[in-house]
Protein backbone atom coordinates (compact mmCIF):
# COMPACT_ATOMS: atom_id res chain seq x y z
CA MET A 1 2.14 29.61 8.24
CA GLY A 2 2.11 26.63 5.67
CA ASN A 3 -0.38 24.88 7.36
CA ILE A 4 -2.88 27.83 7.36
CA PHE A 5 -2.58 28.19 3.80
CA SER A 6 -2.89 24.43 3.06
CA GLY A 7 -5.90 24.34 5.15
CA ILE A 8 -7.53 27.42 3.48
CA PHE A 9 -6.70 25.93 0.05
CA GLY A 10 -7.89 22.71 0.86
CA ARG A 11 -11.42 24.01 2.01
CA LEU A 12 -11.48 25.80 -1.30
CA TRP A 13 -10.81 22.95 -3.47
CA GLY A 14 -12.80 20.43 -1.24
CA ILE A 15 -9.62 18.52 -0.24
CA ASN A 16 -10.70 17.41 3.31
CA LYS A 17 -7.78 15.63 4.85
CA GLU A 18 -4.17 14.72 4.31
CA ILE A 19 -3.38 11.01 5.17
CA ARG A 20 -0.20 8.82 4.93
CA ILE A 21 -0.20 5.44 3.40
CA LEU A 22 2.78 3.16 3.25
CA ILE A 23 3.37 0.90 0.27
CA LEU A 24 5.47 -2.11 1.50
CA GLY A 25 6.29 -5.62 0.42
CA LEU A 26 9.29 -7.73 -0.62
CA ASP A 27 11.62 -6.56 -3.41
CA GLY A 28 10.27 -6.96 -6.92
CA ALA A 29 6.60 -7.07 -6.00
CA GLY A 30 5.66 -3.82 -7.81
CA LYS A 31 5.20 -1.23 -5.19
CA THR A 32 7.15 1.44 -7.14
CA THR A 33 5.02 0.56 -10.47
CA ILE A 34 1.89 0.84 -8.53
CA LEU A 35 2.96 4.14 -6.92
CA TYR A 36 3.56 5.72 -10.27
CA LYS A 37 0.59 4.12 -11.90
CA LEU A 38 -1.68 5.68 -9.34
CA GLN A 39 0.23 8.99 -9.49
CA MET A 40 0.79 9.54 -13.24
CA GLY A 41 -1.68 6.90 -14.78
CA GLU A 42 1.15 5.36 -16.64
CA VAL A 43 3.98 2.78 -16.17
CA VAL A 44 7.47 4.13 -15.67
CA LYS A 45 10.75 2.19 -15.96
CA THR A 46 11.93 1.36 -12.45
CA LYS A 47 14.88 0.25 -10.69
CA PRO A 48 15.15 -1.24 -7.27
CA THR A 49 14.05 1.31 -4.70
CA ILE A 50 17.03 1.92 -2.17
CA GLY A 51 15.44 4.00 0.58
CA PHE A 52 11.90 5.32 -0.51
CA ASN A 53 9.84 7.12 -2.92
CA VAL A 54 7.10 9.72 -1.93
CA GLU A 55 4.44 11.04 -3.97
CA THR A 56 1.25 12.93 -3.16
CA LEU A 57 -1.91 12.25 -4.83
CA THR A 58 -5.56 13.60 -4.36
CA TYR A 59 -8.13 10.77 -4.26
CA LYS A 60 -11.57 11.07 -3.51
CA ASN A 61 -11.03 14.61 -2.00
CA ILE A 62 -8.28 13.34 0.18
CA SER A 63 -4.55 14.35 -0.18
CA ILE A 64 -2.60 11.20 0.03
CA ASN A 65 1.12 11.05 0.91
CA MET A 66 2.01 7.64 -0.34
CA TRP A 67 5.38 6.35 0.78
CA ASP A 68 6.91 3.41 -1.20
CA LEU A 69 9.65 1.79 0.83
CA GLY A 70 12.27 -0.52 -0.44
CA GLY A 71 11.85 -4.16 0.12
CA GLN A 72 15.08 -5.68 0.03
CA THR A 73 16.09 -7.93 2.96
CA SER A 74 18.63 -5.26 4.36
CA ILE A 75 16.06 -2.33 4.20
CA ARG A 76 13.07 -4.13 5.73
CA PRO A 77 14.23 -3.47 9.40
CA TYR A 78 14.02 0.32 8.69
CA TRP A 79 10.47 0.19 7.70
CA ARG A 80 9.38 0.93 11.28
CA CYS A 81 11.15 4.35 11.11
CA TYR A 82 8.10 5.40 8.89
CA TYR A 83 5.22 4.04 10.79
CA ALA A 84 4.23 7.01 12.62
CA ASN A 85 0.89 8.56 11.70
CA THR A 86 0.02 5.86 9.09
CA ALA A 87 -3.64 5.78 8.28
CA ALA A 88 -3.11 2.61 6.21
CA VAL A 89 -0.64 0.10 4.56
CA ILE A 90 -0.87 -1.15 1.15
CA PHE A 91 1.11 -4.61 1.08
CA VAL A 92 2.11 -5.63 -2.46
CA VAL A 93 2.85 -9.23 -3.22
CA ASP A 94 4.26 -10.70 -6.45
CA SER A 95 1.78 -13.51 -6.89
CA THR A 96 4.14 -15.39 -9.01
CA ASP A 97 6.74 -15.62 -6.29
CA LYS A 98 5.56 -18.71 -4.50
CA GLU A 99 9.04 -19.45 -3.10
CA ARG A 100 9.01 -16.34 -1.04
CA MET A 101 5.26 -16.29 0.00
CA ASP A 102 6.38 -17.35 3.47
CA ILE A 103 8.90 -14.67 3.89
CA ALA A 104 6.04 -11.89 2.79
CA GLN A 105 3.70 -13.53 5.33
CA LYS A 106 6.29 -13.35 8.30
CA GLU A 107 7.17 -9.79 7.29
CA LEU A 108 3.48 -8.74 7.13
CA HIS A 109 2.40 -10.24 10.43
CA MET A 110 5.35 -8.82 12.24
CA MET A 111 4.95 -5.30 10.80
CA LEU A 112 1.21 -5.44 11.76
CA LYS A 113 2.04 -6.24 15.35
CA GLU A 114 3.82 -2.72 15.66
CA GLU A 115 1.80 -0.26 18.07
CA GLU A 116 1.89 2.50 15.64
CA LEU A 117 0.09 0.21 12.87
CA LEU A 118 -2.44 -1.34 15.17
CA ASP A 119 -5.23 1.22 13.98
CA SER A 120 -4.09 1.02 10.28
CA ALA A 121 -6.22 -0.54 7.71
CA LEU A 122 -4.63 -3.06 5.25
CA LEU A 123 -4.89 -3.47 1.57
CA VAL A 124 -3.06 -6.34 -0.15
CA PHE A 125 -2.44 -6.35 -3.75
CA ALA A 126 -2.03 -9.71 -5.20
CA ASN A 127 0.09 -8.20 -7.94
CA LYS A 128 1.28 -9.49 -11.35
CA GLN A 129 -2.03 -11.24 -12.16
CA ASP A 130 -1.16 -10.74 -15.75
CA GLN A 131 1.62 -13.29 -15.59
CA MET A 132 1.54 -16.96 -16.14
CA GLY A 133 1.44 -19.02 -12.96
CA ALA A 134 0.21 -16.24 -10.66
CA LEU A 135 -1.61 -17.31 -7.58
CA SER A 136 -5.05 -16.13 -7.32
CA ALA A 137 -6.17 -13.56 -4.68
CA ALA A 138 -7.76 -16.11 -2.61
CA GLU A 139 -4.44 -18.30 -2.70
CA VAL A 140 -2.23 -15.46 -1.73
CA SER A 141 -4.65 -14.58 1.00
CA LYS A 142 -4.43 -18.17 2.31
CA SER A 143 -0.54 -17.97 2.11
CA LEU A 144 -0.51 -14.84 4.03
CA ASN A 145 -2.96 -15.91 6.62
CA LEU A 146 -4.93 -12.98 6.44
CA VAL A 147 -7.90 -14.54 8.03
CA ASP A 148 -5.77 -14.40 11.25
CA LEU A 149 -6.14 -10.55 11.00
CA LYS A 150 -9.42 -10.44 13.35
CA ASP A 151 -8.83 -6.63 14.81
CA ARG A 152 -8.11 -4.54 11.51
CA SER A 153 -9.97 -3.77 8.43
CA TRP A 154 -8.35 -5.53 5.52
CA SER A 155 -8.90 -6.57 1.95
CA ILE A 156 -7.10 -8.19 -0.78
CA VAL A 157 -7.24 -7.23 -4.41
CA ALA A 158 -6.02 -9.17 -7.38
CA SER A 159 -4.00 -6.70 -9.40
CA SER A 160 -1.85 -6.20 -12.39
CA ALA A 161 0.38 -2.84 -11.87
CA VAL A 162 1.45 -2.78 -15.57
CA LYS A 163 -2.12 -3.01 -16.82
CA GLY A 164 -3.65 -0.98 -14.12
CA GLU A 165 -5.99 -3.61 -13.09
CA GLY A 166 -7.40 -3.76 -9.55
CA LEU A 167 -5.66 -0.49 -8.44
CA THR A 168 -8.54 1.82 -8.23
CA GLU A 169 -10.86 -0.80 -6.97
CA GLY A 170 -8.20 -1.49 -4.12
CA LEU A 171 -7.89 2.22 -3.28
CA ASP A 172 -11.63 2.85 -3.56
CA TRP A 173 -11.98 0.26 -0.69
CA LEU A 174 -9.22 1.74 1.33
CA ILE A 175 -10.15 5.24 1.12
CA ASP A 176 -13.64 4.18 1.97
CA VAL A 177 -12.60 2.46 5.10
CA ILE A 178 -10.15 5.16 6.10
CA LYS A 179 -13.01 7.81 5.83
CA GLU A 180 -15.27 5.74 7.98
CA GLU A 181 -12.93 4.74 10.70
CA GLN A 182 -10.32 7.57 11.02
CA LEU A 183 -11.75 10.76 9.32
């Protein structure tokens, strides 16, 4: 019954489709900060995510269920429990964390090989660009071997979650790709 009402109300307000996006990345990358900056338009004080945060926002007439999953080593194996029905992945990288860039690269490529994510678009936020010593988006792209991703739509955007820079540009690209490829 709820689906009937949501379909009716969605048509009334011009909301065409509901999609699921996962926000993933290593711990401390800024995933939760990005989620709440997109949801509420402000930076909220966060603590490490143990489990997940879920928020729904409407963007370009699409209802987006955003799942922000914890990035600690002990939690990453459970990411796969959330892959089903995922339209896109936002992978957040701390551009100042050069020591763990190889771990981020391995986690990203391992995740993208999962069957349930084969058709999912990928947006990488090279986050924390407002901090000294941050790698550029091009340097993060090279560290993550993004050029190896031949069979999927992907983009990398330099961002600062606390300043809100790059977030709407990245989300604009992602939603356009989802609309084009999946809706």
